Amino acid sequence: PAIKQIKNAFQDASIDIVVAPDSEEFVFENPLFSEYIIL
């Protein structure tokens, strides 16, 4: 919910996320994120 609010507030911004290995499927091809980094 917070990420969606950020995306709505900054529609032109690209959002990248750093996640744990168990979240790879969560971020893979997720339209909220431009890039993702697996920690």
PDB file of all heavy atoms in Angstrom:
ATOM      1  N   PRO A   1       0.816  -1.226   0.000  1.00  0.00           N
ATOM      2  CA  PRO A   1       0.000   0.000   0.000  1.00  0.00           C
ATOM      3  C   PRO A   1       0.850   1.276   0.000  1.00  0.00           C
ATOM      4  O   PRO A   1       0.529   2.237  -0.708  1.00  0.00           O
ATOM      5  CB  PRO A   1      -0.816  -0.114   1.291  1.00  0.00           C
ATOM      6  CG  PRO A   1      -0.853  -1.572   1.589  1.00  0.00           C
ATOM      7  CD  PRO A   1       0.458  -2.114   1.108  1.00  0.00           C
ATOM      8  N   ALA A   2       1.939   1.271   0.744  1.00  0.00           N
ATOM      9  CA  ALA A   2       2.804   2.459   0.783  1.00  0.00           C
ATOM     10  C   ALA A   2       3.509   2.660  -0.558  1.00  0.00           C
ATOM     11  O   ALA A   2       3.632   3.794  -1.038  1.00  0.00           O
ATOM     12  CB  ALA A   2       3.831   2.319   1.904  1.00  0.00           C
ATOM     13  N   ILE A   3       3.952   1.576  -1.177  1.00  0.00           N
ATOM     14  CA  ILE A   3       4.633   1.684  -2.470  1.00  0.00           C
ATOM     15  C   ILE A   3       3.673   2.206  -3.525  1.00  0.00           C
ATOM     16  O   ILE A   3       4.042   3.032  -4.367  1.00  0.00           O
ATOM     17  CB  ILE A   3       5.240   0.325  -2.871  1.00  0.00           C
ATOM     18  CG1 ILE A   3       6.367  -0.042  -1.909  1.00  0.00           C
ATOM     19  CG2 ILE A   3       5.758   0.360  -4.304  1.00  0.00           C
ATOM     20  CD1 ILE A   3       6.871  -1.472  -2.045  1.00  0.00           C
ATOM     21  N   LYS A   4       2.415   1.769  -3.483  1.00  0.00           N
ATOM     22  CA  LYS A   4       1.421   2.278  -4.431  1.00  0.00           C
ATOM     23  C   LYS A   4       1.182   3.773  -4.236  1.00  0.00           C
ATOM     24  O   LYS A   4       1.022   4.521  -5.208  1.00  0.00           O
ATOM     25  CB  LYS A   4       0.114   1.505  -4.293  1.00  0.00           C
ATOM     26  CG  LYS A   4       0.199   0.112  -4.878  1.00  0.00           C
ATOM     27  CD  LYS A   4      -1.125  -0.608  -4.766  1.00  0.00           C
ATOM     28  CE  LYS A   4      -1.053  -1.982  -5.406  1.00  0.00           C
ATOM     29  NZ  LYS A   4      -2.313  -2.715  -5.291  1.00  0.00           N
ATOM     30  N   GLN A   5       1.167   4.229  -3.004  1.00  0.00           N
ATOM     31  CA  GLN A   5       1.008   5.661  -2.733  1.00  0.00           C
ATOM     32  C   GLN A   5       2.203   6.456  -3.254  1.00  0.00           C
ATOM     33  O   GLN A   5       2.040   7.549  -3.811  1.00  0.00           O
ATOM     34  CB  GLN A   5       0.833   5.904  -1.232  1.00  0.00           C
ATOM     35  CG  GLN A   5      -0.491   5.454  -0.692  1.00  0.00           C
ATOM     36  CD  GLN A   5      -1.638   6.280  -1.250  1.00  0.00           C
ATOM     37  OE1 GLN A   5      -1.519   7.481  -1.467  1.00  0.00           O
ATOM     38  NE2 GLN A   5      -2.746   5.628  -1.509  1.00  0.00           N
ATOM     39  N   ILE A   6       3.384   5.914  -3.073  1.00  0.00           N
ATOM     40  CA  ILE A   6       4.594   6.575  -3.598  1.00  0.00           C
ATOM     41  C   ILE A   6       4.522   6.650  -5.112  1.00  0.00           C
ATOM     42  O   ILE A   6       4.823   7.686  -5.712  1.00  0.00           O
ATOM     43  CB  ILE A   6       5.860   5.828  -3.134  1.00  0.00           C
ATOM     44  CG1 ILE A   6       6.042   5.982  -1.619  1.00  0.00           C
ATOM     45  CG2 ILE A   6       7.096   6.335  -3.878  1.00  0.00           C
ATOM     46  CD1 ILE A   6       7.099   5.061  -1.032  1.00  0.00           C
ATOM     47  N   LYS A   7       4.131   5.550  -5.746  1.00  0.00           N
ATOM     48  CA  LYS A   7       4.027   5.518  -7.213  1.00  0.00           C
ATOM     49  C   LYS A   7       2.991   6.533  -7.703  1.00  0.00           C
ATOM     50  O   LYS A   7       3.209   7.209  -8.708  1.00  0.00           O
ATOM     51  CB  LYS A   7       3.647   4.105  -7.659  1.00  0.00           C
ATOM     52  CG  LYS A   7       3.652   3.904  -9.147  1.00  0.00           C
ATOM     53  CD  LYS A   7       5.054   3.961  -9.689  1.00  0.00           C
ATOM     54  CE  LYS A   7       5.080   3.575 -11.148  1.00  0.00           C
ATOM     55  NZ  LYS A   7       6.385   3.779 -11.746  1.00  0.00           N
ATOM     56  N   ASN A   8       1.876   6.668  -7.003  1.00  0.00           N
ATOM     57  CA  ASN A   8       0.862   7.652  -7.386  1.00  0.00           C
ATOM     58  C   ASN A   8       1.358   9.083  -7.205  1.00  0.00           C
ATOM     59  O   ASN A   8       1.041   9.963  -7.996  1.00  0.00           O
ATOM     60  CB  ASN A   8      -0.420   7.445  -6.590  1.00  0.00           C
ATOM     61  CG  ASN A   8      -1.174   6.214  -7.030  1.00  0.00           C
ATOM     62  OD1 ASN A   8      -1.034   5.765  -8.161  1.00  0.00           O
ATOM     63  ND2 ASN A   8      -1.967   5.659  -6.139  1.00  0.00           N
ATOM     64  N   ALA A   9       2.132   9.323  -6.170  1.00  0.00           N
ATOM     65  CA  ALA A   9       2.636  10.665  -5.893  1.00  0.00           C
ATOM     66  C   ALA A   9       3.739  11.075  -6.864  1.00  0.00           C
ATOM     67  O   ALA A   9       3.852  12.239  -7.222  1.00  0.00           O
ATOM     68  CB  ALA A   9       3.141  10.748  -4.458  1.00  0.00           C
ATOM     69  N   PHE A  10       4.547  10.103  -7.287  1.00  0.00           N
ATOM     70  CA  PHE A  10       5.687  10.380  -8.179  1.00  0.00           C
ATOM     71  C   PHE A  10       5.575   9.488  -9.405  1.00  0.00           C
ATOM     72  O   PHE A  10       6.348   8.559  -9.593  1.00  0.00           O
ATOM     73  CB  PHE A  10       7.010  10.142  -7.447  1.00  0.00           C
ATOM     74  CG  PHE A  10       7.181  10.996  -6.235  1.00  0.00           C
ATOM     75  CD1 PHE A  10       6.924  10.493  -4.977  1.00  0.00           C
ATOM     76  CD2 PHE A  10       7.576  12.318  -6.354  1.00  0.00           C
ATOM     77  CE1 PHE A  10       7.075  11.283  -3.849  1.00  0.00           C
ATOM     78  CE2 PHE A  10       7.722  13.110  -5.233  1.00  0.00           C
ATOM     79  CZ  PHE A  10       7.467  12.595  -3.985  1.00  0.00           C
ATOM     80  N   GLN A  11       4.621   9.787 -10.259  1.00  0.00           N
ATOM     81  CA  GLN A  11       4.324   8.938 -11.411  1.00  0.00           C
ATOM     82  C   GLN A  11       5.451   8.872 -12.421  1.00  0.00           C
ATOM     83  O   GLN A  11       5.588   7.883 -13.134  1.00  0.00           O
ATOM     84  CB  GLN A  11       3.037   9.404 -12.068  1.00  0.00           C
ATOM     85  CG  GLN A  11       1.844   9.209 -11.173  1.00  0.00           C
ATOM     86  CD  GLN A  11       0.563   9.724 -11.788  1.00  0.00           C
ATOM     87  OE1 GLN A  11       0.543  10.194 -12.915  1.00  0.00           O
ATOM     88  NE2 GLN A  11      -0.517   9.624 -11.031  1.00  0.00           N
ATOM     89  N   ASP A  12       6.273   9.889 -12.501  1.00  0.00           N
ATOM     90  CA  ASP A  12       7.376   9.894 -13.462  1.00  0.00           C
ATOM     91  C   ASP A  12       8.646   9.262 -12.911  1.00  0.00           C
ATOM     92  O   ASP A  12       9.615   9.077 -13.654  1.00  0.00           O
ATOM     93  CB  ASP A  12       7.687  11.328 -13.903  1.00  0.00           C
ATOM     94  CG  ASP A  12       6.526  11.939 -14.673  1.00  0.00           C
ATOM     95  OD1 ASP A  12       5.750  11.175 -15.286  1.00  0.00           O
ATOM     96  OD2 ASP A  12       6.386  13.171 -14.657  1.00  0.00           O
ATOM     97  N   ALA A  13       8.664   8.934 -11.640  1.00  0.00           N
ATOM     98  CA  ALA A  13       9.859   8.378 -11.015  1.00  0.00           C
ATOM     99  C   ALA A  13       9.953   6.880 -11.254  1.00  0.00           C
ATOM    100  O   ALA A  13       8.949   6.183 -11.328  1.00  0.00           O
ATOM    101  CB  ALA A  13       9.848   8.657  -9.513  1.00  0.00           C
ATOM    102  N   SER A  14      11.184   6.412 -11.374  1.00  0.00           N
ATOM    103  CA  SER A  14      11.396   4.966 -11.437  1.00  0.00           C
ATOM    104  C   SER A  14      11.670   4.478 -10.017  1.00  0.00           C
ATOM    105  O   SER A  14      12.418   5.107  -9.273  1.00  0.00           O
ATOM    106  CB  SER A  14      12.554   4.624 -12.365  1.00  0.00           C
ATOM    107  OG  SER A  14      13.766   5.113 -11.858  1.00  0.00           O
ATOM    108  N   ILE A  15      11.043   3.368  -9.661  1.00  0.00           N
ATOM    109  CA  ILE A  15      11.177   2.827  -8.313  1.00  0.00           C
ATOM    110  C   ILE A  15      11.956   1.528  -8.391  1.00  0.00           C
ATOM    111  O   ILE A  15      11.568   0.596  -9.104  1.00  0.00           O
ATOM    112  CB  ILE A  15       9.800   2.585  -7.670  1.00  0.00           C
ATOM    113  CG1 ILE A  15       9.034   3.900  -7.563  1.00  0.00           C
ATOM    114  CG2 ILE A  15       9.959   1.935  -6.309  1.00  0.00           C
ATOM    115  CD1 ILE A  15       7.635   3.761  -7.003  1.00  0.00           C
ATOM    116  N   ASP A  16      13.062   1.464  -7.677  1.00  0.00           N
ATOM    117  CA  ASP A  16      13.873   0.263  -7.569  1.00  0.00           C
ATOM    118  C   ASP A  16      13.723  -0.282  -6.156  1.00  0.00           C
ATOM    119  O   ASP A  16      13.421   0.466  -5.225  1.00  0.00           O
ATOM    120  CB  ASP A  16      15.347   0.576  -7.830  1.00  0.00           C
ATOM    121  CG  ASP A  16      15.591   1.166  -9.211  1.00  0.00           C
ATOM    122  OD1 ASP A  16      14.711   1.011 -10.082  1.00  0.00           O
ATOM    123  OD2 ASP A  16      16.645   1.772  -9.410  1.00  0.00           O
ATOM    124  N   ILE A  17      13.927  -1.593  -6.004  1.00  0.00           N
ATOM    125  CA  ILE A  17      13.769  -2.205  -4.689  1.00  0.00           C
ATOM    126  C   ILE A  17      14.873  -3.227  -4.449  1.00  0.00           C
ATOM    127  O   ILE A  17      15.314  -3.904  -5.369  1.00  0.00           O
ATOM    128  CB  ILE A  17      12.368  -2.854  -4.547  1.00  0.00           C
ATOM    129  CG1 ILE A  17      12.133  -3.328  -3.110  1.00  0.00           C
ATOM    130  CG2 ILE A  17      12.166  -3.959  -5.549  1.00  0.00           C
ATOM    131  CD1 ILE A  17      10.686  -3.690  -2.805  1.00  0.00           C
ATOM    132  N   VAL A  18      15.316  -3.291  -3.211  1.00  0.00           N
ATOM    133  CA  VAL A  18      16.278  -4.292  -2.758  1.00  0.00           C
ATOM    134  C   VAL A  18      15.497  -5.282  -1.898  1.00  0.00           C
ATOM    135  O   VAL A  18      14.797  -4.869  -0.974  1.00  0.00           O
ATOM    136  CB  VAL A  18      17.409  -3.647  -1.923  1.00  0.00           C
ATOM    137  CG1 VAL A  18      18.363  -4.703  -1.409  1.00  0.00           C
ATOM    138  CG2 VAL A  18      18.140  -2.593  -2.733  1.00  0.00           C
ATOM    139  N   VAL A  19      15.611  -6.579  -2.225  1.00  0.00           N
ATOM    140  CA  VAL A  19      14.836  -7.587  -1.509  1.00  0.00           C
ATOM    141  C   VAL A  19      15.694  -8.795  -1.144  1.00  0.00           C
ATOM    142  O   VAL A  19      16.767  -9.001  -1.700  1.00  0.00           O
ATOM    143  CB  VAL A  19      13.627  -8.071  -2.340  1.00  0.00           C
ATOM    144  CG1 VAL A  19      12.633  -6.958  -2.554  1.00  0.00           C
ATOM    145  CG2 VAL A  19      14.056  -8.673  -3.650  1.00  0.00           C
ATOM    146  N   ALA A  20      15.166  -9.588  -0.243  1.00  0.00           N
ATOM    147  CA  ALA A  20      15.798 -10.847   0.144  1.00  0.00           C
ATOM    148  C   ALA A  20      15.544 -11.890  -0.955  1.00  0.00           C
ATOM    149  O   ALA A  20      14.632 -11.730  -1.768  1.00  0.00           O
ATOM    150  CB  ALA A  20      15.223 -11.330   1.471  1.00  0.00           C
ATOM    151  N   PRO A  21      16.344 -12.960  -0.989  1.00  0.00           N
ATOM    152  CA  PRO A  21      16.185 -13.973  -2.041  1.00  0.00           C
ATOM    153  C   PRO A  21      14.792 -14.598  -2.119  1.00  0.00           C
ATOM    154  O   PRO A  21      14.345 -14.961  -3.200  1.00  0.00           O
ATOM    155  CB  PRO A  21      17.224 -15.030  -1.672  1.00  0.00           C
ATOM    156  CG  PRO A  21      18.260 -14.298  -0.899  1.00  0.00           C
ATOM    157  CD  PRO A  21      17.519 -13.227  -0.153  1.00  0.00           C
ATOM    158  N   ASP A  22      14.075 -14.687  -1.019  1.00  0.00           N
ATOM    159  CA  ASP A  22      12.743 -15.299  -1.064  1.00  0.00           C
ATOM    160  C   ASP A  22      11.697 -14.406  -1.730  1.00  0.00           C
ATOM    161  O   ASP A  22      10.568 -14.822  -1.949  1.00  0.00           O
ATOM    162  CB  ASP A  22      12.275 -15.704   0.338  1.00  0.00           C
ATOM    163  CG  ASP A  22      11.961 -14.518   1.231  1.00  0.00           C
ATOM    164  OD1 ASP A  22      12.424 -13.397   0.928  1.00  0.00           O
ATOM    165  OD2 ASP A  22      11.263 -14.704   2.237  1.00  0.00           O
ATOM    166  N   SER A  23      12.065 -13.177  -2.079  1.00  0.00           N
ATOM    167  CA  SER A  23      11.123 -12.236  -2.692  1.00  0.00           C
ATOM    168  C   SER A  23      11.316 -12.074  -4.190  1.00  0.00           C
ATOM    169  O   SER A  23      10.694 -11.215  -4.800  1.00  0.00           O
ATOM    170  CB  SER A  23      11.268 -10.861  -2.035  1.00  0.00           C
ATOM    171  OG  SER A  23      10.925 -10.926  -0.684  1.00  0.00           O
ATOM    172  N   GLU A  24      12.157 -12.901  -4.777  1.00  0.00           N
ATOM    173  CA  GLU A  24      12.442 -12.736  -6.205  1.00  0.00           C
ATOM    174  C   GLU A  24      11.179 -12.852  -7.054  1.00  0.00           C
ATOM    175  O   GLU A  24      10.959 -12.060  -7.967  1.00  0.00           O
ATOM    176  CB  GLU A  24      13.478 -13.756  -6.663  1.00  0.00           C
ATOM    177  CG  GLU A  24      13.906 -13.544  -8.093  1.00  0.00           C
ATOM    178  CD  GLU A  24      15.088 -14.397  -8.496  1.00  0.00           C
ATOM    179  OE1 GLU A  24      15.588 -15.181  -7.682  1.00  0.00           O
ATOM    180  OE2 GLU A  24      15.506 -14.260  -9.654  1.00  0.00           O
ATOM    181  N   GLU A  25      10.320 -13.799  -6.767  1.00  0.00           N
ATOM    182  CA  GLU A  25       9.087 -13.950  -7.543  1.00  0.00           C
ATOM    183  C   GLU A  25       8.136 -12.774  -7.322  1.00  0.00           C
ATOM    184  O   GLU A  25       7.360 -12.422  -8.208  1.00  0.00           O
ATOM    185  CB  GLU A  25       8.398 -15.255  -7.193  1.00  0.00           C
ATOM    186  CG  GLU A  25       9.154 -16.468  -7.693  1.00  0.00           C
ATOM    187  CD  GLU A  25       8.427 -17.760  -7.399  1.00  0.00           C
ATOM    188  OE1 GLU A  25       7.194 -17.729  -7.259  1.00  0.00           O
ATOM    189  OE2 GLU A  25       9.108 -18.787  -7.302  1.00  0.00           O
ATOM    190  N   PHE A  26       8.194 -12.166  -6.151  1.00  0.00           N
ATOM    191  CA  PHE A  26       7.352 -11.008  -5.840  1.00  0.00           C
ATOM    192  C   PHE A  26       7.703  -9.809  -6.721  1.00  0.00           C
ATOM    193  O   PHE A  26       6.821  -9.093  -7.186  1.00  0.00           O
ATOM    194  CB  PHE A  26       7.513 -10.646  -4.361  1.00  0.00           C
ATOM    195  CG  PHE A  26       6.970  -9.304  -3.983  1.00  0.00           C
ATOM    196  CD1 PHE A  26       5.609  -9.093  -3.907  1.00  0.00           C
ATOM    197  CD2 PHE A  26       7.827  -8.265  -3.702  1.00  0.00           C
ATOM    198  CE1 PHE A  26       5.109  -7.852  -3.554  1.00  0.00           C
ATOM    199  CE2 PHE A  26       7.335  -7.022  -3.343  1.00  0.00           C
ATOM    200  CZ  PHE A  26       5.971  -6.816  -3.277  1.00  0.00           C
ATOM    201  N   VAL A  27       8.974  -9.600  -6.966  1.00  0.00           N
ATOM    202  CA  VAL A  27       9.388  -8.419  -7.719  1.00  0.00           C
ATOM    203  C   VAL A  27       9.568  -8.677  -9.207  1.00  0.00           C
ATOM    204  O   VAL A  27       9.546  -7.750 -10.005  1.00  0.00           O
ATOM    205  CB  VAL A  27      10.692  -7.810  -7.144  1.00  0.00           C
ATOM    206  CG1 VAL A  27      10.459  -7.278  -5.758  1.00  0.00           C
ATOM    207  CG2 VAL A  27      11.832  -8.799  -7.155  1.00  0.00           C
ATOM    208  N   PHE A  28       9.724  -9.944  -9.599  1.00  0.00           N
ATOM    209  CA  PHE A  28       9.942 -10.287 -11.000  1.00  0.00           C
ATOM    210  C   PHE A  28       8.730  -9.887 -11.830  1.00  0.00           C
ATOM    211  O   PHE A  28       7.608 -10.312 -11.570  1.00  0.00           O
ATOM    212  CB  PHE A  28      10.221 -11.782 -11.148  1.00  0.00           C
ATOM    213  CG  PHE A  28      10.510 -12.201 -12.552  1.00  0.00           C
ATOM    214  CD1 PHE A  28      11.698 -11.833 -13.157  1.00  0.00           C
ATOM    215  CD2 PHE A  28       9.593 -12.932 -13.274  1.00  0.00           C
ATOM    216  CE1 PHE A  28      11.982 -12.209 -14.460  1.00  0.00           C
ATOM    217  CE2 PHE A  28       9.861 -13.315 -14.573  1.00  0.00           C
ATOM    218  CZ  PHE A  28      11.053 -12.953 -15.169  1.00  0.00           C
ATOM    219  N   GLU A  29       8.940  -9.019 -12.803  1.00  0.00           N
ATOM    220  CA  GLU A  29       7.894  -8.489 -13.689  1.00  0.00           C
ATOM    221  C   GLU A  29       6.770  -7.772 -12.946  1.00  0.00           C
ATOM    222  O   GLU A  29       5.642  -7.700 -13.425  1.00  0.00           O
ATOM    223  CB  GLU A  29       7.335  -9.600 -14.585  1.00  0.00           C
ATOM    224  CG  GLU A  29       8.355 -10.129 -15.559  1.00  0.00           C
ATOM    225  CD  GLU A  29       7.785 -11.147 -16.537  1.00  0.00           C
ATOM    226  OE1 GLU A  29       6.574 -11.423 -16.493  1.00  0.00           O
ATOM    227  OE2 GLU A  29       8.568 -11.648 -17.335  1.00  0.00           O
ATOM    228  N   ASN A  30       7.050  -7.247 -11.772  1.00  0.00           N
ATOM    229  CA  ASN A  30       6.068  -6.453 -11.033  1.00  0.00           C
ATOM    230  C   ASN A  30       6.081  -5.041 -11.616  1.00  0.00           C
ATOM    231  O   ASN A  30       7.129  -4.388 -11.639  1.00  0.00           O
ATOM    232  CB  ASN A  30       6.428  -6.435  -9.543  1.00  0.00           C
ATOM    233  CG  ASN A  30       5.353  -5.818  -8.690  1.00  0.00           C
ATOM    234  OD1 ASN A  30       4.684  -4.878  -9.098  1.00  0.00           O
ATOM    235  ND2 ASN A  30       5.195  -6.336  -7.490  1.00  0.00           N
ATOM    236  N   PRO A  31       4.950  -4.529 -12.086  1.00  0.00           N
ATOM    237  CA  PRO A  31       4.927  -3.220 -12.744  1.00  0.00           C
ATOM    238  C   PRO A  31       5.238  -2.039 -11.819  1.00  0.00           C
ATOM    239  O   PRO A  31       5.490  -0.930 -12.303  1.00  0.00           O
ATOM    240  CB  PRO A  31       3.508  -3.121 -13.291  1.00  0.00           C
ATOM    241  CG  PRO A  31       2.707  -4.051 -12.454  1.00  0.00           C
ATOM    242  CD  PRO A  31       3.631  -5.155 -12.041  1.00  0.00           C
ATOM    243  N   LEU A  32       5.253  -2.259 -10.521  1.00  0.00           N
ATOM    244  CA  LEU A  32       5.581  -1.165  -9.604  1.00  0.00           C
ATOM    245  C   LEU A  32       7.060  -0.803  -9.632  1.00  0.00           C
ATOM    246  O   LEU A  32       7.434   0.314  -9.292  1.00  0.00           O
ATOM    247  CB  LEU A  32       5.193  -1.543  -8.170  1.00  0.00           C
ATOM    248  CG  LEU A  32       3.707  -1.651  -7.868  1.00  0.00           C
ATOM    249  CD1 LEU A  32       3.511  -2.195  -6.461  1.00  0.00           C
ATOM    250  CD2 LEU A  32       3.045  -0.297  -8.016  1.00  0.00           C
ATOM    251  N   PHE A  33       7.900  -1.753 -10.033  1.00  0.00           N
ATOM    252  CA  PHE A  33       9.345  -1.562  -9.922  1.00  0.00           C
ATOM    253  C   PHE A  33      10.027  -1.524 -11.284  1.00  0.00           C
ATOM    254  O   PHE A  33       9.728  -2.311 -12.171  1.00  0.00           O
ATOM    255  CB  PHE A  33       9.960  -2.678  -9.077  1.00  0.00           C
ATOM    256  CG  PHE A  33       9.263  -2.880  -7.775  1.00  0.00           C
ATOM    257  CD1 PHE A  33       8.577  -4.046  -7.507  1.00  0.00           C
ATOM    258  CD2 PHE A  33       9.261  -1.882  -6.818  1.00  0.00           C
ATOM    259  CE1 PHE A  33       7.910  -4.226  -6.293  1.00  0.00           C
ATOM    260  CE2 PHE A  33       8.598  -2.047  -5.613  1.00  0.00           C
ATOM    261  CZ  PHE A  33       7.924  -3.220  -5.355  1.00  0.00           C
ATOM    262  N   SER A  34      10.978  -0.612 -11.415  1.00  0.00           N
ATOM    263  CA  SER A  34      11.775  -0.531 -12.629  1.00  0.00           C
ATOM    264  C   SER A  34      12.901  -1.564 -12.604  1.00  0.00           C
ATOM    265  O   SER A  34      13.187  -2.214 -13.588  1.00  0.00           O
ATOM    266  CB  SER A  34      12.386   0.863 -12.782  1.00  0.00           C
ATOM    267  OG  SER A  34      11.374   1.823 -12.848  1.00  0.00           O
ATOM    268  N   GLU A  35      13.534  -1.677 -11.458  1.00  0.00           N
ATOM    269  CA  GLU A  35      14.642  -2.618 -11.283  1.00  0.00           C
ATOM    270  C   GLU A  35      14.506  -3.255  -9.905  1.00  0.00           C
ATOM    271  O   GLU A  35      13.880  -2.692  -9.007  1.00  0.00           O
ATOM    272  CB  GLU A  35      15.991  -1.886 -11.333  1.00  0.00           C
ATOM    273  CG  GLU A  35      16.301  -1.218 -12.641  1.00  0.00           C
ATOM    274  CD  GLU A  35      16.715  -2.177 -13.728  1.00  0.00           C
ATOM    275  OE1 GLU A  35      17.266  -3.257 -13.399  1.00  0.00           O
ATOM    276  OE2 GLU A  35      16.467  -1.868 -14.897  1.00  0.00           O
ATOM    277  N   TYR A  36      15.106  -4.409  -9.740  1.00  0.00           N
ATOM    278  CA  TYR A  36      15.165  -5.028  -8.419  1.00  0.00           C
ATOM    279  C   TYR A  36      16.545  -5.623  -8.198  1.00  0.00           C
ATOM    280  O   TYR A  36      17.227  -6.009  -9.138  1.00  0.00           O
ATOM    281  CB  TYR A  36      14.074  -6.082  -8.227  1.00  0.00           C
ATOM    282  CG  TYR A  36      14.167  -7.271  -9.145  1.00  0.00           C
ATOM    283  CD1 TYR A  36      14.875  -8.406  -8.756  1.00  0.00           C
ATOM    284  CD2 TYR A  36      13.526  -7.279 -10.364  1.00  0.00           C
ATOM    285  CE1 TYR A  36      14.962  -9.501  -9.593  1.00  0.00           C
ATOM    286  CE2 TYR A  36      13.597  -8.372 -11.204  1.00  0.00           C
ATOM    287  CZ  TYR A  36      14.313  -9.478 -10.809  1.00  0.00           C
ATOM    288  OH  TYR A  36      14.393 -10.562 -11.634  1.00  0.00           O
ATOM    289  N   ILE A  37      16.945  -5.631  -6.950  1.00  0.00           N
ATOM    290  CA  ILE A  37      18.252  -6.138  -6.553  1.00  0.00           C
ATOM    291  C   ILE A  37      18.012  -7.212  -5.490  1.00  0.00           C
ATOM    292  O   ILE A  37      17.327  -6.962  -4.506  1.00  0.00           O
ATOM    293  CB  ILE A  37      19.130  -5.010  -5.973  1.00  0.00           C
ATOM    294  CG1 ILE A  37      19.292  -3.912  -7.036  1.00  0.00           C
ATOM    295  CG2 ILE A  37      20.474  -5.547  -5.504  1.00  0.00           C
ATOM    296  CD1 ILE A  37      19.651  -2.573  -6.477  1.00  0.00           C
ATOM    297  N   ILE A  38      18.549  -8.409  -5.724  1.00  0.00           N
ATOM    298  CA  ILE A  38      18.410  -9.494  -4.767  1.00  0.00           C
ATOM    299  C   ILE A  38      19.629  -9.434  -3.845  1.00  0.00           C
ATOM    300  O   ILE A  38      20.766  -9.543  -4.274  1.00  0.00           O
ATOM    301  CB  ILE A  38      18.353 -10.871  -5.474  1.00  0.00           C
ATOM    302  CG1 ILE A  38      17.252 -10.891  -6.528  1.00  0.00           C
ATOM    303  CG2 ILE A  38      18.185 -11.979  -4.458  1.00  0.00           C
ATOM    304  CD1 ILE A  38      15.862 -10.703  -5.996  1.00  0.00           C
ATOM    305  N   LEU A  39      19.366  -9.284  -2.573  1.00  0.00           N
ATOM    306  CA  LEU A  39      20.438  -9.184  -1.577  1.00  0.00           C
ATOM    307  C   LEU A  39      20.809 -10.584  -1.099  1.00  0.00           C
ATOM    308  O   LEU A  39      19.950 -11.359  -0.700  1.00  0.00           O
ATOM    309  CB  LEU A  39      19.946  -8.345  -0.389  1.00  0.00           C
ATOM    310  CG  LEU A  39      20.965  -7.969   0.661  1.00  0.00           C
ATOM    311  CD1 LEU A  39      22.048  -7.095   0.047  1.00  0.00           C
ATOM    312  CD2 LEU A  39      20.304  -7.264   1.796  1.00  0.00           C
TER     313      LEU A  39
END
